[in-house]
Amino acid sequence: MAGRPLRAVAVLTVRNEAAFLLEWLAHHRAVGFTDFLVFSNDCQDGTDAMLDRLEELGWLSHVRNDGPHDKGGIQFTALKRADRMKQVRRADWLLALDIDEFVNIHTGERTLPALLAALPDATAITLTWRLFGNGGILRYEDRPVTETFTRCAPEVMFWPWRSAMFKTLFRNDGTYRKLGVHRPRNPDPDRLNQARWFDGEGRELDDQFRTRRIFSNYGRPNYGLVQLNHYPLGAMESYVLKADRGRAVHSDHLLDADYWVERNFNTDTDTSITAMAPAAGAWRDELHGDPVLADLHQAAVRWRKARFLHLMEQEEMRALFARLMMIPPSRPITAKTARTLTGFANIARMKSGG
């Protein structure tokens, strides 16, 4: 790494996300990611055409991942392909992300180099989700996600464990030899004992994180240096489209109200990501200044609106839309109640021999 700039690569998989892509890219370029490797599959909204244009402009590398997909699903198939690609092999740091996840750094000038300077001995850094709820927003509008959704979960959550899931920024030094959705895989046994994992507060983590954990210890703050803003719901209208699209990891699992309830926390407000708005906005303006990208973005917005109207002709989707309107915001579970739930989980684990 000496003698050349840091190369930080974000790996992304997308389907029908063209309306959100330019904001996501602009933000993460401002944060300090130097390269983007993006896989698309079965797009109807022009996402693949937008990615082709972005590749022409030198913004990223685009790979069509239309299938067939292996038994691990769409996202795992993409990450396995990424492992063999030069963009990944030559990276200094790697992070697998989704389009609804935004890296939000709280140290120094709020960039990736500042985070790495704060944790110079890290092999891996866990970026814990902070769940951003729907905020009662019914209809989709063409506005930046990070400005539209500011209501979120409390800084300290006691349940569910999904609220403390993380994505892993890891050093590409051979300690881990494969990408994973939440954490790197295939560790080198000769190097594993030297791996040092740190969380978003800067605390060094214990040995179990080296091989198996995918969520942080909840019941305590995890965001002092960095958090991962997670916008899994969006407007109710957008959620219906997300249910129609299917899940990236488990594409055969339909999204319904249970997914919504476990993520729709709105008790707190967090606007810290707006500190990156000037830099991200400049990159976003540059992207929208390209007439081809601008036209593709507007076409994607029109597609989303038209697709929603089409889905409202289906009783199943109308019923989902109505349920979303009727469900109140989710109530965070207290520490006392969480201990009760943990006790039940431990009983089940003991009986199963786990």
Protein backbone atom coordinates (compact mmCIF):
# COMPACT_ATOMS: atom_id res chain seq x y z
CA MET A 1 0.00 0.00 0.00
CA ALA A 2 2.98 2.31 0.51
CA GLY A 3 3.66 4.58 -2.43
CA ARG A 4 0.13 4.52 -3.84
CA PRO A 5 -3.31 5.65 -2.70
CA LEU A 6 -5.46 3.38 -0.60
CA ARG A 7 -7.74 1.21 -2.75
CA ALA A 8 -11.06 0.57 -1.02
CA VAL A 9 -13.59 -1.49 -2.98
CA ALA A 10 -17.33 -1.68 -2.31
CA VAL A 11 -19.14 -4.68 -3.81
CA LEU A 12 -22.83 -4.19 -4.55
CA THR A 13 -25.64 -6.34 -5.97
CA VAL A 14 -28.74 -4.64 -7.39
CA ARG A 15 -32.01 -5.30 -9.16
CA ASN A 16 -34.39 -2.53 -10.24
CA GLU A 17 -32.60 0.11 -8.14
CA ALA A 18 -31.70 2.73 -10.76
CA ALA A 19 -33.71 5.44 -8.99
CA PHE A 20 -31.44 5.15 -5.93
CA LEU A 21 -28.11 4.25 -7.51
CA LEU A 22 -26.65 7.70 -8.16
CA GLU A 23 -27.22 8.88 -4.58
CA TRP A 24 -25.61 5.72 -3.21
CA LEU A 25 -22.55 6.00 -5.46
CA ALA A 26 -22.08 9.70 -4.78
CA HIS A 27 -22.23 9.21 -1.02
CA HIS A 28 -19.74 6.38 -0.97
CA ARG A 29 -17.33 8.16 -3.29
CA ALA A 30 -17.46 11.11 -0.88
CA VAL A 31 -16.81 8.76 2.05
CA GLY A 32 -13.66 7.50 0.35
CA PHE A 33 -14.39 4.33 -1.58
CA THR A 34 -12.21 4.35 -4.66
CA ASP A 35 -13.73 1.46 -6.62
CA PHE A 36 -17.16 -0.09 -7.05
CA LEU A 37 -17.86 -3.56 -8.35
CA VAL A 38 -21.59 -3.84 -9.09
CA PHE A 39 -23.58 -6.92 -10.08
CA SER A 40 -27.04 -6.58 -11.62
CA ASN A 41 -29.66 -9.21 -12.34
CA ASP A 42 -32.94 -9.32 -14.25
CA CYS A 43 -33.50 -5.56 -14.32
CA GLN A 44 -36.63 -4.01 -15.84
CA ASP A 45 -36.08 -0.39 -14.78
CA GLY A 46 -32.84 0.31 -16.66
CA THR A 47 -30.47 -0.35 -13.76
CA ASP A 48 -28.25 -2.43 -16.04
CA ALA A 49 -28.17 0.30 -18.70
CA MET A 50 -27.30 2.89 -16.05
CA LEU A 51 -24.48 0.69 -14.78
CA ASP A 52 -23.17 0.28 -18.34
CA ARG A 53 -23.06 4.06 -18.70
CA LEU A 54 -21.36 4.47 -15.32
CA GLU A 55 -18.75 1.94 -16.42
CA GLU A 56 -18.19 3.95 -19.62
CA LEU A 57 -17.59 7.01 -17.46
CA GLY A 58 -15.06 5.13 -15.32
CA TRP A 59 -17.16 5.13 -12.17
CA LEU A 60 -17.39 1.40 -11.61
CA SER A 61 -17.16 -2.10 -13.00
CA HIS A 62 -20.48 -3.69 -13.97
CA VAL A 63 -21.13 -7.42 -14.18
CA ARG A 64 -24.43 -8.94 -15.29
CA ASN A 65 -25.45 -11.69 -12.88
CA ASP A 66 -28.65 -12.84 -14.57
CA GLY A 67 -28.11 -16.51 -13.77
CA PRO A 68 -28.21 -19.35 -13.42
CA HIS A 69 -27.51 -18.81 -9.73
CA ASP A 70 -26.09 -21.45 -7.44
CA LYS A 71 -27.94 -22.81 -4.42
CA GLY A 72 -26.69 -19.97 -2.25
CA GLY A 73 -28.83 -17.49 -4.17
CA ILE A 74 -28.30 -14.37 -6.24
CA GLN A 75 -26.06 -12.45 -3.86
CA PHE A 76 -23.82 -15.37 -2.94
CA THR A 77 -23.37 -16.18 -6.63
CA ALA A 78 -22.26 -12.59 -7.25
CA LEU A 79 -19.82 -12.57 -4.34
CA LYS A 80 -18.27 -15.84 -5.47
CA ARG A 81 -17.70 -14.32 -8.89
CA ALA A 82 -16.27 -11.20 -7.27
CA ASP A 83 -13.67 -13.26 -5.39
CA ARG A 84 -12.04 -14.15 -8.71
CA MET A 85 -12.02 -10.66 -10.19
CA LYS A 86 -9.03 -8.34 -10.37
CA GLN A 87 -10.93 -5.46 -8.75
CA VAL A 88 -11.23 -7.53 -5.58
CA ARG A 89 -7.81 -9.16 -5.70
CA ARG A 90 -5.97 -5.83 -5.88
CA ALA A 91 -8.04 -4.09 -3.17
CA ASP A 92 -6.54 -2.99 0.14
CA TRP A 93 -9.93 -3.01 1.89
CA LEU A 94 -13.22 -4.67 0.95
CA LEU A 95 -16.83 -4.19 1.96
CA ALA A 96 -19.95 -5.92 0.61
CA LEU A 97 -22.95 -3.60 0.77
CA ASP A 98 -26.58 -3.31 -0.32
CA ILE A 99 -28.21 -0.31 -1.97
CA ASP A 100 -30.12 0.52 1.25
CA GLU A 101 -26.94 0.70 3.37
CA PHE A 102 -24.89 3.89 3.75
CA VAL A 103 -21.57 4.03 5.59
CA ASN A 104 -21.71 6.83 8.18
CA ILE A 105 -18.34 7.66 9.77
CA HIS A 106 -18.15 9.82 12.89
CA THR A 107 -14.40 10.38 13.31
CA GLY A 108 -12.02 12.92 11.77
CA GLU A 109 -13.25 14.30 8.46
CA ARG A 110 -15.80 11.45 8.41
CA THR A 111 -14.06 9.54 5.64
CA LEU A 112 -12.74 6.03 5.26
CA PRO A 113 -9.09 7.08 5.68
CA ALA A 114 -10.04 8.78 8.95
CA LEU A 115 -11.71 5.61 10.22
CA LEU A 116 -8.72 3.46 9.28
CA ALA A 117 -6.39 5.95 10.97
CA ALA A 118 -8.44 5.63 14.15
CA LEU A 119 -8.08 1.81 14.06
CA PRO A 120 -4.66 1.26 12.47
CA ASP A 121 -4.26 -2.32 13.78
CA ALA A 122 -7.61 -3.58 12.51
CA THR A 123 -7.92 -6.60 10.27
CA ALA A 124 -11.69 -6.14 10.27
CA ILE A 125 -14.12 -3.45 11.45
CA THR A 126 -17.77 -4.23 12.12
CA LEU A 127 -20.21 -1.63 10.78
CA THR A 128 -23.34 -2.18 12.84
CA TRP A 129 -26.72 -1.35 11.36
CA ARG A 130 -28.71 1.55 12.67
CA LEU A 131 -32.24 0.85 11.47
CA PHE A 132 -34.07 3.79 9.90
CA GLY A 133 -37.83 3.43 9.93
CA ASN A 134 -40.53 4.46 7.50
CA GLY A 135 -41.44 7.64 9.38
CA GLY A 136 -45.07 7.36 8.25
CA ILE A 137 -44.17 8.16 4.61
CA LEU A 138 -46.76 6.71 2.26
CA ARG A 139 -45.74 7.55 -1.32
CA TYR A 140 -42.38 7.32 -3.04
CA GLU A 141 -40.79 10.62 -4.10
CA ASP A 142 -37.60 11.22 -6.06
CA ARG A 143 -35.65 12.62 -3.12
CA PRO A 144 -32.39 11.45 -1.51
CA VAL A 145 -33.01 8.58 0.88
CA THR A 146 -30.62 10.00 3.47
CA GLU A 147 -32.58 13.26 3.60
CA THR A 148 -36.05 11.70 3.51
CA PHE A 149 -35.68 9.13 6.28
CA THR A 150 -34.26 10.46 9.54
CA ARG A 151 -36.36 8.62 12.15
CA CYS A 152 -34.59 5.58 13.50
CA ALA A 153 -34.00 3.05 16.25
CA PRO A 154 -32.43 4.13 19.54
CA GLU A 155 -28.65 4.06 19.80
CA VAL A 156 -28.93 1.19 22.26
CA MET A 157 -31.20 -1.72 21.29
CA PHE A 158 -31.89 -4.81 23.38
CA TRP A 159 -33.86 -6.83 20.79
CA PRO A 160 -34.10 -8.17 18.12
CA TRP A 161 -30.63 -9.40 17.25
CA ARG A 162 -31.26 -8.26 13.66
CA SER A 163 -31.06 -4.68 14.91
CA ALA A 164 -27.38 -5.29 15.71
CA MET A 165 -26.35 -7.05 12.51
CA PHE A 166 -23.24 -5.72 10.84
CA LYS A 167 -21.37 -5.65 7.57
CA THR A 168 -17.60 -6.08 7.75
CA LEU A 169 -14.96 -3.78 6.32
CA PHE A 170 -11.88 -5.98 6.12
CA ARG A 171 -8.26 -5.74 5.13
CA ASN A 172 -7.52 -7.71 1.97
CA ASP A 173 -4.22 -9.13 3.21
CA GLY A 174 -4.99 -12.84 2.79
CA THR A 175 -6.30 -13.43 6.30
CA TYR A 176 -9.74 -13.91 4.74
CA ARG A 177 -9.87 -15.17 1.18
CA LYS A 178 -13.52 -14.80 0.24
CA LEU A 179 -16.24 -12.19 0.49
CA GLY A 180 -19.42 -12.84 2.45
CA VAL A 181 -22.70 -11.01 2.79
CA HIS A 182 -22.06 -9.94 6.39
CA ARG A 183 -18.51 -11.07 7.12
CA PRO A 184 -15.48 -12.34 5.19
CA ARG A 185 -15.16 -16.10 4.69
CA ASN A 186 -12.52 -18.79 4.18
CA PRO A 187 -9.92 -17.64 6.71
CA ASP A 188 -6.31 -18.73 6.38
CA PRO A 189 -5.74 -20.91 9.48
CA ASP A 190 -2.10 -19.84 9.66
CA ARG A 191 -3.10 -16.17 9.95
CA LEU A 192 -6.38 -16.35 11.82
CA ASN A 193 -4.96 -16.04 15.32
CA GLN A 194 -3.35 -12.73 14.39
CA ALA A 195 -6.61 -11.25 13.06
CA ARG A 196 -7.82 -8.29 15.08
CA TRP A 197 -11.46 -7.29 14.95
CA PHE A 198 -12.78 -3.94 16.20
CA ASP A 199 -16.33 -2.68 16.47
CA GLY A 200 -17.84 0.68 15.58
CA GLU A 201 -16.99 2.02 19.03
CA GLY A 202 -13.32 1.13 18.59
CA ARG A 203 -13.44 -1.78 21.05
CA GLU A 204 -11.39 -4.85 20.22
CA LEU A 205 -13.64 -7.88 19.85
CA ASP A 206 -13.14 -11.39 21.16
CA ASP A 207 -12.11 -14.49 19.25
CA GLN A 208 -15.59 -15.61 18.19
CA PHE A 209 -15.84 -12.67 15.80
CA ARG A 210 -12.93 -14.04 13.81
CA THR A 211 -14.96 -16.96 12.51
CA ARG A 212 -18.70 -16.78 13.09
CA ARG A 213 -20.48 -13.71 14.49
CA ILE A 214 -22.73 -11.61 12.23
CA PHE A 215 -24.24 -9.28 14.83
CA SER A 216 -22.78 -7.01 17.47
CA ASN A 217 -23.39 -7.33 21.20
CA TYR A 218 -26.62 -5.43 21.70
CA GLY A 219 -27.64 -3.56 24.81
CA ARG A 220 -24.75 -1.12 24.42
CA PRO A 221 -23.67 1.64 21.99
CA ASN A 222 -21.95 0.48 18.81
CA TYR A 223 -21.66 3.67 16.74
CA GLY A 224 -18.98 5.89 18.27
CA LEU A 225 -16.61 5.78 15.29
CA VAL A 226 -18.84 4.42 12.53
CA GLN A 227 -22.31 3.06 11.88
CA LEU A 228 -24.10 1.64 8.89
CA ASN A 229 -27.28 3.57 8.19
CA HIS A 230 -29.74 0.92 7.04
CA TYR A 231 -32.90 2.02 5.19
CA PRO A 232 -34.64 -1.35 4.64
CA LEU A 233 -38.20 -0.04 4.28
CA GLY A 234 -38.40 3.29 2.49
CA ALA A 235 -41.82 4.68 1.69
CA MET A 236 -44.72 2.25 1.95
CA GLU A 237 -45.05 2.41 -1.82
CA SER A 238 -41.37 1.46 -2.20
CA TYR A 239 -41.77 -1.42 0.22
CA VAL A 240 -44.49 -2.91 -1.97
CA LEU A 241 -42.03 -2.80 -4.89
CA LYS A 242 -39.38 -4.38 -2.71
CA ALA A 243 -41.77 -7.22 -1.86
CA ASP A 244 -42.45 -7.66 -5.55
CA ARG A 245 -38.73 -7.76 -6.35
CA GLY A 246 -37.87 -10.39 -3.74
CA ARG A 247 -34.90 -10.68 -1.40
CA ALA A 248 -31.32 -10.75 -2.61
CA VAL A 249 -30.11 -13.44 -0.22
CA HIS A 250 -33.24 -15.56 0.09
CA SER A 251 -35.02 -14.76 -3.16
CA ASP A 252 -37.77 -17.30 -2.49
CA HIS A 253 -38.79 -15.63 0.79
CA LEU A 254 -41.59 -13.10 0.31
CA LEU A 255 -41.44 -9.88 2.28
CA ASP A 256 -44.49 -9.20 4.40
CA ALA A 257 -45.51 -7.34 7.53
CA ASP A 258 -43.19 -9.36 9.80
CA TYR A 259 -40.10 -8.01 8.04
CA TRP A 260 -41.58 -4.51 8.34
CA VAL A 261 -42.31 -4.78 12.07
CA GLU A 262 -38.79 -5.96 12.93
CA ARG A 263 -37.30 -2.88 11.24
CA ASN A 264 -39.75 0.02 11.54
CA PHE A 265 -38.26 1.85 14.51
CA ASN A 266 -38.90 5.60 14.61
CA THR A 267 -38.34 6.66 18.23
CA ASP A 268 -35.13 8.65 17.59
CA THR A 269 -33.82 11.07 14.99
CA ASP A 270 -30.35 10.84 13.45
CA THR A 271 -29.24 13.38 10.85
CA SER A 272 -25.49 12.87 11.33
CA ILE A 273 -25.06 11.60 7.77
CA THR A 274 -25.93 15.05 6.44
CA ALA A 275 -22.39 16.12 7.37
CA MET A 276 -21.40 14.39 4.13
CA ALA A 277 -24.13 16.10 2.11
CA PRO A 278 -21.96 18.84 0.56
CA ALA A 279 -19.33 16.41 -0.73
CA ALA A 280 -21.87 13.76 -1.72
CA GLY A 281 -24.09 16.38 -3.34
CA ALA A 282 -21.25 17.58 -5.53
CA TRP A 283 -20.64 14.05 -6.80
CA ARG A 284 -24.38 13.53 -7.28
CA ASP A 285 -24.65 16.74 -9.30
CA GLU A 286 -21.79 15.57 -11.50
CA LEU A 287 -23.58 12.29 -12.18
CA HIS A 288 -26.91 13.94 -12.92
CA GLY A 289 -25.04 16.36 -15.18
CA ASP A 290 -24.43 13.54 -17.61
CA PRO A 291 -27.46 13.62 -19.96
CA VAL A 292 -27.52 9.85 -20.42
CA LEU A 293 -27.53 9.19 -16.67
CA ALA A 294 -30.09 11.93 -16.08
CA ASP A 295 -32.46 10.41 -18.63
CA LEU A 296 -31.98 6.91 -17.21
CA HIS A 297 -32.65 8.18 -13.70
CA GLN A 298 -35.90 9.86 -14.73
CA ALA A 299 -36.96 6.77 -16.66
CA ALA A 300 -36.36 4.68 -13.53
CA VAL A 301 -38.49 7.04 -11.45
CA ARG A 302 -41.31 6.73 -13.98
CA TRP A 303 -40.92 2.95 -13.99
CA ARG A 304 -41.29 2.78 -10.20
CA LYS A 305 -44.47 4.81 -10.26
CA ALA A 306 -45.93 2.78 -13.10
CA ARG A 307 -44.97 -0.52 -11.52
CA PHE A 308 -46.63 0.45 -8.27
CA LEU A 309 -49.88 1.28 -10.05
CA HIS A 310 -49.73 -2.09 -11.80
CA LEU A 311 -49.16 -3.88 -8.47
CA MET A 312 -52.17 -2.11 -6.98
CA GLU A 313 -54.31 -4.05 -9.46
CA GLN A 314 -53.40 -7.20 -7.52
CA GLU A 315 -55.39 -7.95 -4.38
CA GLU A 316 -52.38 -9.44 -2.58
CA MET A 317 -50.32 -6.29 -3.04
CA ARG A 318 -53.21 -3.99 -2.13
CA ALA A 319 -53.63 -5.99 1.05
CA LEU A 320 -49.93 -5.58 1.89
CA PHE A 321 -50.12 -1.83 1.23
CA ALA A 322 -53.14 -1.58 3.53
CA ARG A 323 -51.43 -3.57 6.29
CA LEU A 324 -48.47 -1.19 6.18
CA MET A 325 -50.83 1.74 6.67
CA MET A 326 -52.47 0.06 9.66
CA ILE A 327 -49.33 -1.09 11.50
CA PRO A 328 -48.06 1.45 14.03
CA PRO A 329 -44.32 2.13 14.41
CA SER A 330 -42.46 -0.64 16.19
CA ARG A 331 -41.85 -0.24 19.91
CA PRO A 332 -38.31 -0.98 21.13
CA ILE A 333 -38.20 -3.82 23.65
CA THR A 334 -36.91 -2.97 27.13
CA ALA A 335 -33.83 -4.54 28.70
CA LYS A 336 -36.00 -6.48 31.17
CA THR A 337 -38.21 -7.95 28.47
CA ALA A 338 -35.17 -8.76 26.34
CA ARG A 339 -33.69 -10.77 29.23
CA THR A 340 -36.91 -12.80 29.35
CA LEU A 341 -36.71 -13.50 25.61
CA THR A 342 -33.05 -14.41 25.90
CA GLY A 343 -33.91 -16.86 28.65
CA PHE A 344 -36.42 -18.60 26.42
CA ALA A 345 -33.86 -18.73 23.61
CA ASN A 346 -31.26 -20.25 25.93
CA ILE A 347 -33.73 -22.95 27.06
CA ALA A 348 -34.44 -23.83 23.44
CA ARG A 349 -30.72 -23.92 22.66
CA MET A 350 -29.97 -26.26 25.56
CA LYS A 351 -32.79 -28.63 24.59
CA SER A 352 -31.57 -28.74 21.00
CA GLY A 353 -27.97 -29.36 22.12
CA GLY A 354 -26.79 -26.11 20.54
